[in-house]
């Protein structure tokens, strides 16, 4: 009996361990034909993407399929993702499209444009909170980008050219 109670106690401790490396998703959208999955997060689930301390440069771009400047700059993020893939640089494209648009707009957009960067959906209705929490100066306009590595971070509420994006990235390498 003593061993059963000890085993249950240990199992409880192990199952309660928090894994900060794996953000908690609220939904997954899949297109089996093209092997594309878009994972949806509320802000609490998304926040670990902003806090990684792994020695890599993280580029997080907020965009939407209906935002023309966002769509125009996405190829530059893809070029960075491709050209710096061996240099500990990650690119995460955070779609701010409505969840109802994922199957009909976001997944077809990702497929058509052959986007290889990680694409996720931020689905949290309390934008007034999470916009300010991400950056107090952010008006909520997109495109917006965060580049960070360990303790250094810069926030940009602007559209990038490739050269501008590459210059900013190099200041982190």
N, C-alpha and C. Protein backbone atom coordinates (compact mmCIF):
# COMPACT_ATOMS: atom_id res chain seq x y z
N UNK A 1 0.82 -1.19 0.00
CA UNK A 1 0.00 0.00 0.00
C UNK A 1 0.87 1.26 0.00
N UNK A 2 1.95 1.22 0.80
CA UNK A 2 2.85 2.35 0.90
C UNK A 2 3.46 2.66 -0.47
N UNK A 3 3.81 1.62 -1.24
CA UNK A 3 4.42 1.81 -2.56
C UNK A 3 3.42 2.36 -3.57
N UNK A 4 2.16 1.96 -3.44
CA UNK A 4 1.12 2.46 -4.33
C UNK A 4 0.92 3.95 -4.10
N UNK A 5 0.86 4.37 -2.84
CA UNK A 5 0.70 5.79 -2.53
C UNK A 5 1.90 6.59 -3.01
N UNK A 6 3.10 6.06 -2.85
CA UNK A 6 4.29 6.76 -3.31
C UNK A 6 4.29 6.88 -4.83
N UNK A 7 3.89 5.84 -5.53
CA UNK A 7 3.82 5.87 -6.99
C UNK A 7 2.79 6.90 -7.46
N UNK A 8 1.64 6.96 -6.79
CA UNK A 8 0.63 7.96 -7.14
C UNK A 8 1.15 9.37 -6.90
N UNK A 9 1.87 9.58 -5.80
CA UNK A 9 2.43 10.89 -5.49
C UNK A 9 3.43 11.31 -6.56
N UNK A 10 4.32 10.43 -6.95
CA UNK A 10 5.31 10.72 -7.99
C UNK A 10 4.63 10.98 -9.33
N UNK A 11 3.64 10.18 -9.67
CA UNK A 11 2.91 10.38 -10.93
C UNK A 11 2.22 11.74 -10.95
N UNK A 12 1.69 12.15 -9.80
CA UNK A 12 1.04 13.46 -9.71
C UNK A 12 2.05 14.57 -9.92
N UNK A 13 3.21 14.48 -9.29
CA UNK A 13 4.25 15.49 -9.46
C UNK A 13 4.70 15.61 -10.91
N UNK A 14 4.92 14.48 -11.55
CA UNK A 14 5.38 14.48 -12.94
C UNK A 14 4.32 15.06 -13.87
N UNK A 15 3.06 14.72 -13.64
CA UNK A 15 2.00 15.21 -14.53
C UNK A 15 1.72 16.69 -14.35
N UNK A 16 2.11 17.27 -13.22
CA UNK A 16 1.87 18.69 -12.97
C UNK A 16 3.01 19.57 -13.44
N UNK A 17 4.08 18.97 -13.91
CA UNK A 17 5.24 19.75 -14.35
C UNK A 17 4.85 20.62 -15.54
N UNK A 18 5.12 21.92 -15.45
CA UNK A 18 4.80 22.84 -16.54
C UNK A 18 5.91 22.79 -17.58
N UNK A 19 5.54 22.76 -18.84
CA UNK A 19 6.50 22.76 -19.93
C UNK A 19 6.40 24.08 -20.65
N UNK A 20 7.29 25.02 -20.34
CA UNK A 20 7.24 26.35 -20.91
C UNK A 20 7.68 26.38 -22.37
N UNK A 21 8.28 25.29 -22.84
CA UNK A 21 8.74 25.25 -24.22
C UNK A 21 7.61 24.90 -25.19
N UNK A 22 6.51 24.37 -24.69
CA UNK A 22 5.41 23.97 -25.54
C UNK A 22 4.19 24.83 -25.25
N UNK A 23 3.97 25.88 -26.04
CA UNK A 23 2.79 26.72 -25.82
C UNK A 23 1.51 25.90 -25.98
N UNK A 24 0.49 26.30 -25.26
CA UNK A 24 -0.77 25.58 -25.29
C UNK A 24 -1.68 26.12 -26.39
N UNK A 25 -1.98 25.27 -27.35
CA UNK A 25 -2.84 25.64 -28.47
C UNK A 25 -4.31 25.55 -28.07
N UNK A 26 -5.14 26.37 -28.74
CA UNK A 26 -6.57 26.25 -28.51
C UNK A 26 -7.27 25.55 -29.67
N UNK A 27 -6.60 25.45 -30.82
CA UNK A 27 -7.20 24.77 -31.97
C UNK A 27 -6.14 24.52 -33.03
N UNK A 28 -6.38 23.54 -33.86
CA UNK A 28 -5.54 23.27 -35.02
C UNK A 28 -6.42 23.23 -36.26
N UNK A 29 -5.94 23.86 -37.31
CA UNK A 29 -6.62 23.83 -38.60
C UNK A 29 -5.71 23.07 -39.56
N UNK A 30 -6.25 22.03 -40.18
CA UNK A 30 -5.43 21.17 -41.03
C UNK A 30 -5.97 21.11 -42.44
N UNK A 31 -5.04 21.09 -43.39
CA UNK A 31 -5.36 20.82 -44.78
C UNK A 31 -4.56 19.59 -45.16
N UNK A 32 -5.18 18.42 -45.03
CA UNK A 32 -4.49 17.16 -45.24
C UNK A 32 -3.89 17.06 -46.65
N UNK A 33 -4.55 17.63 -47.64
CA UNK A 33 -4.06 17.52 -49.02
C UNK A 33 -2.70 18.19 -49.19
N UNK A 34 -2.46 19.28 -48.47
CA UNK A 34 -1.20 20.00 -48.63
C UNK A 34 -0.30 19.89 -47.40
N UNK A 35 -0.74 19.13 -46.40
CA UNK A 35 0.04 18.94 -45.18
C UNK A 35 0.31 20.26 -44.46
N UNK A 36 -0.64 21.18 -44.50
CA UNK A 36 -0.51 22.47 -43.82
C UNK A 36 -1.37 22.44 -42.57
N UNK A 37 -0.76 22.81 -41.45
CA UNK A 37 -1.47 22.94 -40.19
C UNK A 37 -1.23 24.34 -39.64
N UNK A 38 -2.29 25.02 -39.27
CA UNK A 38 -2.21 26.32 -38.62
C UNK A 38 -2.71 26.10 -37.20
N UNK A 39 -1.85 26.37 -36.24
CA UNK A 39 -2.22 26.20 -34.84
C UNK A 39 -2.68 27.55 -34.30
N UNK A 40 -3.75 27.52 -33.54
CA UNK A 40 -4.36 28.72 -32.99
C UNK A 40 -4.05 28.81 -31.49
N UNK A 41 -3.71 30.02 -31.05
CA UNK A 41 -3.39 30.27 -29.65
C UNK A 41 -4.17 31.46 -29.14
N UNK A 42 -4.58 31.42 -27.87
CA UNK A 42 -5.01 32.65 -27.22
C UNK A 42 -3.73 33.34 -26.76
N UNK A 43 -3.83 34.52 -26.16
CA UNK A 43 -2.61 35.25 -25.83
C UNK A 43 -1.75 34.51 -24.81
N UNK A 44 -2.37 33.88 -23.82
CA UNK A 44 -1.58 33.13 -22.83
C UNK A 44 -0.81 31.99 -23.48
N UNK A 45 -1.41 31.34 -24.45
CA UNK A 45 -0.71 30.27 -25.16
C UNK A 45 0.36 30.80 -26.09
N UNK A 46 0.14 32.00 -26.63
CA UNK A 46 1.10 32.62 -27.56
C UNK A 46 2.30 33.23 -26.85
N UNK A 47 2.11 33.72 -25.64
CA UNK A 47 3.15 34.48 -24.94
C UNK A 47 4.51 33.78 -24.87
N UNK A 48 4.59 32.45 -24.71
CA UNK A 48 5.91 31.81 -24.71
C UNK A 48 6.71 32.02 -26.00
N UNK A 49 6.04 32.31 -27.11
CA UNK A 49 6.76 32.61 -28.35
C UNK A 49 7.59 33.90 -28.21
N UNK A 50 7.19 34.76 -27.29
CA UNK A 50 7.86 36.05 -27.07
C UNK A 50 8.95 35.98 -26.01
N UNK A 51 9.11 34.84 -25.38
CA UNK A 51 9.97 34.76 -24.20
C UNK A 51 11.05 33.70 -24.28
N UNK A 52 11.36 33.20 -25.44
CA UNK A 52 12.35 32.13 -25.56
C UNK A 52 13.75 32.67 -25.28
N UNK A 53 14.47 31.94 -24.48
CA UNK A 53 15.84 32.29 -24.11
C UNK A 53 16.75 31.14 -24.55
N UNK A 54 16.86 30.94 -25.86
CA UNK A 54 17.57 29.78 -26.37
C UNK A 54 18.77 30.13 -27.25
N UNK A 55 19.18 31.39 -27.24
CA UNK A 55 20.34 31.80 -28.03
C UNK A 55 20.03 32.05 -29.50
N UNK A 56 18.80 31.83 -29.92
CA UNK A 56 18.42 32.07 -31.31
C UNK A 56 17.85 33.48 -31.46
N UNK A 57 17.92 33.99 -32.69
CA UNK A 57 17.24 35.24 -33.02
C UNK A 57 15.83 34.85 -33.46
N UNK A 58 14.84 35.43 -32.81
CA UNK A 58 13.44 35.15 -33.14
C UNK A 58 12.83 36.38 -33.82
N UNK A 59 12.26 36.15 -34.98
CA UNK A 59 11.55 37.19 -35.71
C UNK A 59 10.08 36.81 -35.70
N UNK A 60 9.27 37.67 -35.14
CA UNK A 60 7.82 37.42 -35.05
C UNK A 60 7.12 38.55 -35.80
N UNK A 61 6.41 38.18 -36.85
CA UNK A 61 5.71 39.17 -37.68
C UNK A 61 4.21 38.98 -37.54
N UNK A 62 3.52 40.08 -37.21
CA UNK A 62 2.06 40.08 -37.11
C UNK A 62 1.51 40.56 -38.44
N UNK A 63 0.61 39.79 -39.03
CA UNK A 63 0.10 40.07 -40.37
C UNK A 63 -1.31 39.51 -40.50
N UNK A 64 -1.93 39.76 -41.65
CA UNK A 64 -3.23 39.17 -41.98
C UNK A 64 -3.34 39.09 -43.51
N UNK A 65 -4.13 38.16 -43.99
CA UNK A 65 -4.27 37.99 -45.44
C UNK A 65 -4.95 39.19 -46.08
N UNK A 66 -5.74 39.94 -45.32
CA UNK A 66 -6.47 41.09 -45.86
C UNK A 66 -5.66 42.37 -45.80
N UNK A 67 -4.44 42.32 -45.27
CA UNK A 67 -3.58 43.49 -45.10
C UNK A 67 -2.58 43.55 -46.25
N UNK A 68 -2.80 44.46 -47.19
CA UNK A 68 -1.94 44.54 -48.37
C UNK A 68 -0.47 44.77 -48.04
N UNK A 69 -0.12 45.73 -47.16
CA UNK A 69 1.31 45.89 -46.83
C UNK A 69 1.91 44.64 -46.18
N UNK A 70 1.11 43.93 -45.41
CA UNK A 70 1.58 42.70 -44.78
C UNK A 70 1.94 41.66 -45.83
N UNK A 71 1.03 41.48 -46.77
CA UNK A 71 1.22 40.49 -47.82
C UNK A 71 2.42 40.86 -48.70
N UNK A 72 2.60 42.16 -48.94
CA UNK A 72 3.71 42.59 -49.79
C UNK A 72 5.07 42.33 -49.14
N UNK A 73 5.16 42.37 -47.81
CA UNK A 73 6.46 42.17 -47.16
C UNK A 73 6.73 40.71 -46.79
N UNK A 74 5.74 39.85 -46.85
CA UNK A 74 5.94 38.44 -46.46
C UNK A 74 7.06 37.75 -47.23
N UNK A 75 7.23 38.01 -48.53
CA UNK A 75 8.35 37.35 -49.23
C UNK A 75 9.71 37.67 -48.60
N UNK A 76 9.87 38.85 -47.99
CA UNK A 76 11.14 39.20 -47.37
C UNK A 76 11.39 38.36 -46.12
N UNK A 77 10.33 38.08 -45.38
CA UNK A 77 10.47 37.21 -44.22
C UNK A 77 10.80 35.79 -44.66
N UNK A 78 10.21 35.36 -45.76
CA UNK A 78 10.51 34.04 -46.30
C UNK A 78 11.96 33.95 -46.77
N UNK A 79 12.46 35.03 -47.38
CA UNK A 79 13.86 35.05 -47.81
C UNK A 79 14.79 34.97 -46.61
N UNK A 80 14.48 35.70 -45.56
CA UNK A 80 15.27 35.65 -44.33
C UNK A 80 15.23 34.24 -43.76
N UNK A 81 14.05 33.65 -43.70
CA UNK A 81 13.90 32.29 -43.17
C UNK A 81 14.78 31.31 -43.95
N UNK A 82 14.81 31.46 -45.25
CA UNK A 82 15.60 30.57 -46.10
C UNK A 82 17.10 30.85 -46.00
N UNK A 83 17.48 32.11 -46.11
CA UNK A 83 18.90 32.46 -46.15
C UNK A 83 19.61 32.31 -44.80
N UNK A 84 18.88 32.38 -43.71
CA UNK A 84 19.49 32.32 -42.39
C UNK A 84 19.09 31.05 -41.64
N UNK A 85 18.65 30.04 -42.35
CA UNK A 85 18.19 28.82 -41.69
C UNK A 85 19.30 28.10 -40.93
N UNK A 86 20.55 28.30 -41.31
CA UNK A 86 21.67 27.65 -40.63
C UNK A 86 22.31 28.54 -39.58
N UNK A 87 21.69 29.67 -39.26
CA UNK A 87 22.30 30.63 -38.34
C UNK A 87 21.45 30.88 -37.09
N UNK A 88 20.69 29.90 -36.67
CA UNK A 88 19.87 30.03 -35.46
C UNK A 88 18.94 31.24 -35.51
N UNK A 89 18.24 31.36 -36.62
CA UNK A 89 17.23 32.40 -36.80
C UNK A 89 15.90 31.70 -37.06
N UNK A 90 14.87 32.09 -36.32
CA UNK A 90 13.53 31.54 -36.55
C UNK A 90 12.59 32.65 -36.97
N UNK A 91 11.69 32.34 -37.88
CA UNK A 91 10.67 33.28 -38.34
C UNK A 91 9.31 32.67 -38.02
N UNK A 92 8.51 33.43 -37.29
CA UNK A 92 7.14 33.01 -36.99
C UNK A 92 6.20 34.08 -37.50
N UNK A 93 5.29 33.68 -38.36
CA UNK A 93 4.30 34.60 -38.93
C UNK A 93 2.99 34.41 -38.16
N UNK A 94 2.58 35.45 -37.46
CA UNK A 94 1.40 35.38 -36.59
C UNK A 94 0.23 36.02 -37.32
N UNK A 95 -0.66 35.18 -37.81
CA UNK A 95 -1.84 35.68 -38.51
C UNK A 95 -2.85 36.24 -37.51
N UNK A 96 -3.36 37.42 -37.84
CA UNK A 96 -4.42 38.03 -37.03
C UNK A 96 -5.76 37.94 -37.75
N UNK A 97 -5.84 37.04 -38.73
CA UNK A 97 -7.11 36.79 -39.40
C UNK A 97 -8.11 36.19 -38.40
N UNK A 98 -9.38 36.31 -38.72
CA UNK A 98 -10.42 35.70 -37.89
C UNK A 98 -10.32 34.18 -38.02
N UNK A 99 -10.62 33.44 -36.97
CA UNK A 99 -10.57 31.98 -37.05
C UNK A 99 -11.43 31.42 -38.18
N UNK A 100 -12.53 32.08 -38.48
CA UNK A 100 -13.41 31.61 -39.56
C UNK A 100 -12.76 31.75 -40.94
N UNK A 101 -11.65 32.49 -41.03
CA UNK A 101 -10.96 32.72 -42.30
C UNK A 101 -9.81 31.73 -42.53
N UNK A 102 -9.48 30.93 -41.54
CA UNK A 102 -8.30 30.07 -41.67
C UNK A 102 -8.45 29.08 -42.81
N UNK A 103 -9.53 28.31 -42.83
CA UNK A 103 -9.69 27.30 -43.87
C UNK A 103 -9.85 27.90 -45.26
N UNK A 104 -10.59 29.00 -45.38
CA UNK A 104 -10.88 29.57 -46.69
C UNK A 104 -9.89 30.59 -47.20
N UNK A 105 -9.08 31.18 -46.31
CA UNK A 105 -8.16 32.24 -46.72
C UNK A 105 -6.70 31.97 -46.33
N UNK A 106 -6.46 31.69 -45.05
CA UNK A 106 -5.08 31.59 -44.57
C UNK A 106 -4.39 30.36 -45.14
N UNK A 107 -4.99 29.19 -45.00
CA UNK A 107 -4.35 27.97 -45.52
C UNK A 107 -4.16 28.05 -47.03
N UNK A 108 -5.18 28.47 -47.81
CA UNK A 108 -4.93 28.61 -49.25
C UNK A 108 -3.83 29.64 -49.57
N UNK A 109 -3.75 30.72 -48.80
CA UNK A 109 -2.70 31.72 -49.00
C UNK A 109 -1.32 31.11 -48.74
N UNK A 110 -1.18 30.39 -47.64
CA UNK A 110 0.09 29.75 -47.30
C UNK A 110 0.48 28.75 -48.38
N UNK A 111 -0.50 27.99 -48.85
CA UNK A 111 -0.24 27.00 -49.89
C UNK A 111 0.16 27.67 -51.20
N UNK A 112 -0.60 28.65 -51.65
CA UNK A 112 -0.35 29.33 -52.93
C UNK A 112 1.02 30.02 -52.93
N UNK A 113 1.38 30.62 -51.81
CA UNK A 113 2.63 31.37 -51.73
C UNK A 113 3.80 30.53 -51.22
N UNK A 114 3.56 29.26 -51.04
CA UNK A 114 4.59 28.30 -50.62
C UNK A 114 5.38 28.81 -49.41
N UNK A 115 4.65 29.25 -48.41
CA UNK A 115 5.28 29.78 -47.19
C UNK A 115 5.83 28.62 -46.38
N UNK A 116 7.11 28.74 -46.05
CA UNK A 116 7.81 27.71 -45.28
C UNK A 116 8.01 28.11 -43.82
N UNK A 117 7.93 29.40 -43.51
CA UNK A 117 8.05 29.85 -42.13
C UNK A 117 6.89 29.29 -41.32
N UNK A 118 7.08 29.23 -40.01
CA UNK A 118 5.99 28.80 -39.13
C UNK A 118 4.87 29.84 -39.19
N UNK A 119 3.65 29.38 -39.40
CA UNK A 119 2.48 30.26 -39.42
C UNK A 119 1.55 29.79 -38.31
N UNK A 120 1.19 30.73 -37.44
CA UNK A 120 0.25 30.43 -36.37
C UNK A 120 -0.84 31.50 -36.39
N UNK A 121 -1.91 31.24 -35.65
CA UNK A 121 -3.03 32.19 -35.54
C UNK A 121 -3.12 32.66 -34.11
N UNK A 122 -3.19 33.98 -33.91
CA UNK A 122 -3.44 34.55 -32.58
C UNK A 122 -4.94 34.85 -32.52
N UNK A 123 -5.64 34.10 -31.69
CA UNK A 123 -7.09 34.22 -31.56
C UNK A 123 -7.43 34.57 -30.12
N UNK A 124 -7.41 35.86 -29.83
CA UNK A 124 -7.74 36.31 -28.49
C UNK A 124 -8.51 37.61 -28.62
N UNK A 125 -9.74 37.65 -28.13
CA UNK A 125 -10.57 38.84 -28.32
C UNK A 125 -10.14 40.07 -27.53
N UNK A 126 -9.28 39.89 -26.54
CA UNK A 126 -8.88 41.02 -25.70
C UNK A 126 -7.65 41.73 -26.27
N UNK A 127 -7.79 42.22 -27.50
CA UNK A 127 -6.67 42.88 -28.18
C UNK A 127 -6.18 44.09 -27.41
N UNK A 128 -7.07 44.80 -26.71
CA UNK A 128 -6.64 45.96 -25.93
C UNK A 128 -5.59 45.57 -24.89
N UNK A 129 -5.71 44.37 -24.35
CA UNK A 129 -4.72 43.91 -23.38
C UNK A 129 -3.45 43.43 -24.07
N UNK A 130 -3.56 42.47 -25.00
CA UNK A 130 -2.35 41.84 -25.52
C UNK A 130 -1.53 42.77 -26.41
N UNK A 131 -2.15 43.72 -27.08
CA UNK A 131 -1.38 44.69 -27.88
C UNK A 131 -0.47 45.49 -26.96
N UNK A 132 -1.03 46.02 -25.88
CA UNK A 132 -0.22 46.80 -24.93
C UNK A 132 0.81 45.94 -24.21
N UNK A 133 0.46 44.68 -23.95
CA UNK A 133 1.38 43.79 -23.26
C UNK A 133 2.58 43.44 -24.15
N UNK A 134 2.34 43.31 -25.43
CA UNK A 134 3.44 43.03 -26.37
C UNK A 134 4.36 44.23 -26.47
N UNK A 135 3.78 45.41 -26.65
CA UNK A 135 4.57 46.63 -26.69
C UNK A 135 3.67 47.82 -26.37
N UNK A 136 4.04 48.58 -25.36
CA UNK A 136 3.21 49.70 -24.90
C UNK A 136 3.03 50.77 -25.99
N UNK A 137 3.95 50.85 -26.95
CA UNK A 137 3.85 51.86 -28.01
C UNK A 137 3.07 51.38 -29.22
N UNK A 138 2.71 50.10 -29.26
CA UNK A 138 2.02 49.53 -30.42
C UNK A 138 0.60 50.05 -30.47
N UNK A 139 0.22 50.66 -31.61
CA UNK A 139 -1.14 51.15 -31.79
C UNK A 139 -2.11 50.03 -32.17
N UNK A 140 -1.57 48.89 -32.55
CA UNK A 140 -2.38 47.78 -33.02
C UNK A 140 -2.36 47.65 -34.53
N UNK A 141 -1.71 48.61 -35.21
CA UNK A 141 -1.62 48.55 -36.67
C UNK A 141 -0.69 47.41 -37.08
N UNK A 142 -1.01 46.83 -38.22
CA UNK A 142 -0.14 45.81 -38.80
C UNK A 142 0.25 46.24 -40.21
N UNK A 143 1.39 45.80 -40.69
CA UNK A 143 2.27 44.81 -40.09
C UNK A 143 3.05 45.38 -38.92
N UNK A 144 3.39 44.48 -38.03
CA UNK A 144 4.24 44.79 -36.88
C UNK A 144 5.17 43.61 -36.68
N UNK A 145 6.37 43.89 -36.21
CA UNK A 145 7.38 42.84 -36.08
C UNK A 145 8.16 43.02 -34.79
N UNK A 146 8.50 41.90 -34.19
CA UNK A 146 9.39 41.86 -33.04
C UNK A 146 10.60 41.03 -33.45
N UNK A 147 11.77 41.54 -33.16
CA UNK A 147 13.00 40.76 -33.32
C UNK A 147 13.65 40.73 -31.95
N UNK A 148 13.99 39.53 -31.48
CA UNK A 148 14.64 39.44 -30.18
C UNK A 148 15.60 38.26 -30.12
N UNK A 149 16.54 38.40 -29.22
CA UNK A 149 17.48 37.33 -28.89
C UNK A 149 17.82 37.49 -27.42
N UNK A 150 17.48 36.48 -26.65
CA UNK A 150 17.71 36.50 -25.21
C UNK A 150 17.18 37.80 -24.62
N UNK A 151 17.97 38.66 -24.05
CA UNK A 151 17.47 39.87 -23.40
C UNK A 151 17.26 41.07 -24.29
N UNK A 152 17.74 41.03 -25.52
CA UNK A 152 17.64 42.17 -26.44
C UNK A 152 16.39 42.01 -27.30
N UNK A 153 15.61 43.10 -27.42
CA UNK A 153 14.39 43.06 -28.22
C UNK A 153 14.14 44.41 -28.87
N UNK A 154 13.64 44.36 -30.12
CA UNK A 154 13.19 45.57 -30.80
C UNK A 154 11.81 45.31 -31.38
N UNK A 155 10.98 46.34 -31.33
CA UNK A 155 9.62 46.28 -31.88
C UNK A 155 9.52 47.27 -33.02
N UNK A 156 8.87 46.85 -34.10
CA UNK A 156 8.73 47.69 -35.30
C UNK A 156 7.27 47.69 -35.74
N UNK A 157 6.68 48.86 -35.80
CA UNK A 157 5.33 49.00 -36.34
C UNK A 157 5.50 49.65 -37.71
N UNK A 158 5.87 48.82 -38.69
CA UNK A 158 6.20 49.33 -40.02
C UNK A 158 6.21 48.19 -41.02
N UNK A 159 6.30 48.56 -42.27
CA UNK A 159 6.52 47.62 -43.36
C UNK A 159 8.02 47.59 -43.64
N UNK A 160 8.54 46.40 -43.90
CA UNK A 160 9.96 46.24 -44.19
C UNK A 160 10.22 46.01 -45.67
N UNK A 161 11.37 46.51 -46.14
CA UNK A 161 11.96 46.03 -47.39
C UNK A 161 12.89 44.90 -46.97
N UNK A 162 13.38 44.14 -47.93
CA UNK A 162 14.31 43.06 -47.58
C UNK A 162 15.57 43.63 -46.93
N UNK A 163 16.13 44.67 -47.51
CA UNK A 163 17.37 45.25 -46.98
C UNK A 163 17.20 45.78 -45.56
N UNK A 164 16.05 46.42 -45.28
CA UNK A 164 15.79 46.91 -43.92
C UNK A 164 15.69 45.76 -42.93
N UNK A 165 14.97 44.73 -43.33
CA UNK A 165 14.79 43.57 -42.44
C UNK A 165 16.13 42.88 -42.19
N UNK A 166 16.90 42.71 -43.23
CA UNK A 166 18.19 42.06 -43.09
C UNK A 166 19.14 42.89 -42.20
N UNK A 167 19.11 44.20 -42.36
CA UNK A 167 19.95 45.08 -41.54
C UNK A 167 19.57 44.94 -40.07
N UNK A 168 18.27 44.94 -39.77
CA UNK A 168 17.83 44.79 -38.38
C UNK A 168 18.22 43.42 -37.83
N UNK A 169 18.05 42.39 -38.63
CA UNK A 169 18.43 41.04 -38.21
C UNK A 169 19.92 40.99 -37.88
N UNK A 170 20.73 41.56 -38.73
CA UNK A 170 22.19 41.50 -38.51
C UNK A 170 22.61 42.19 -37.23
N UNK A 171 21.82 43.15 -36.73
CA UNK A 171 22.17 43.78 -35.46
C UNK A 171 21.97 42.83 -34.28
N UNK A 172 21.33 41.69 -34.52
CA UNK A 172 21.13 40.68 -33.49
C UNK A 172 22.07 39.48 -33.61
N UNK A 173 22.71 39.37 -34.76
CA UNK A 173 23.58 38.21 -34.98
C UNK A 173 24.97 38.41 -34.41
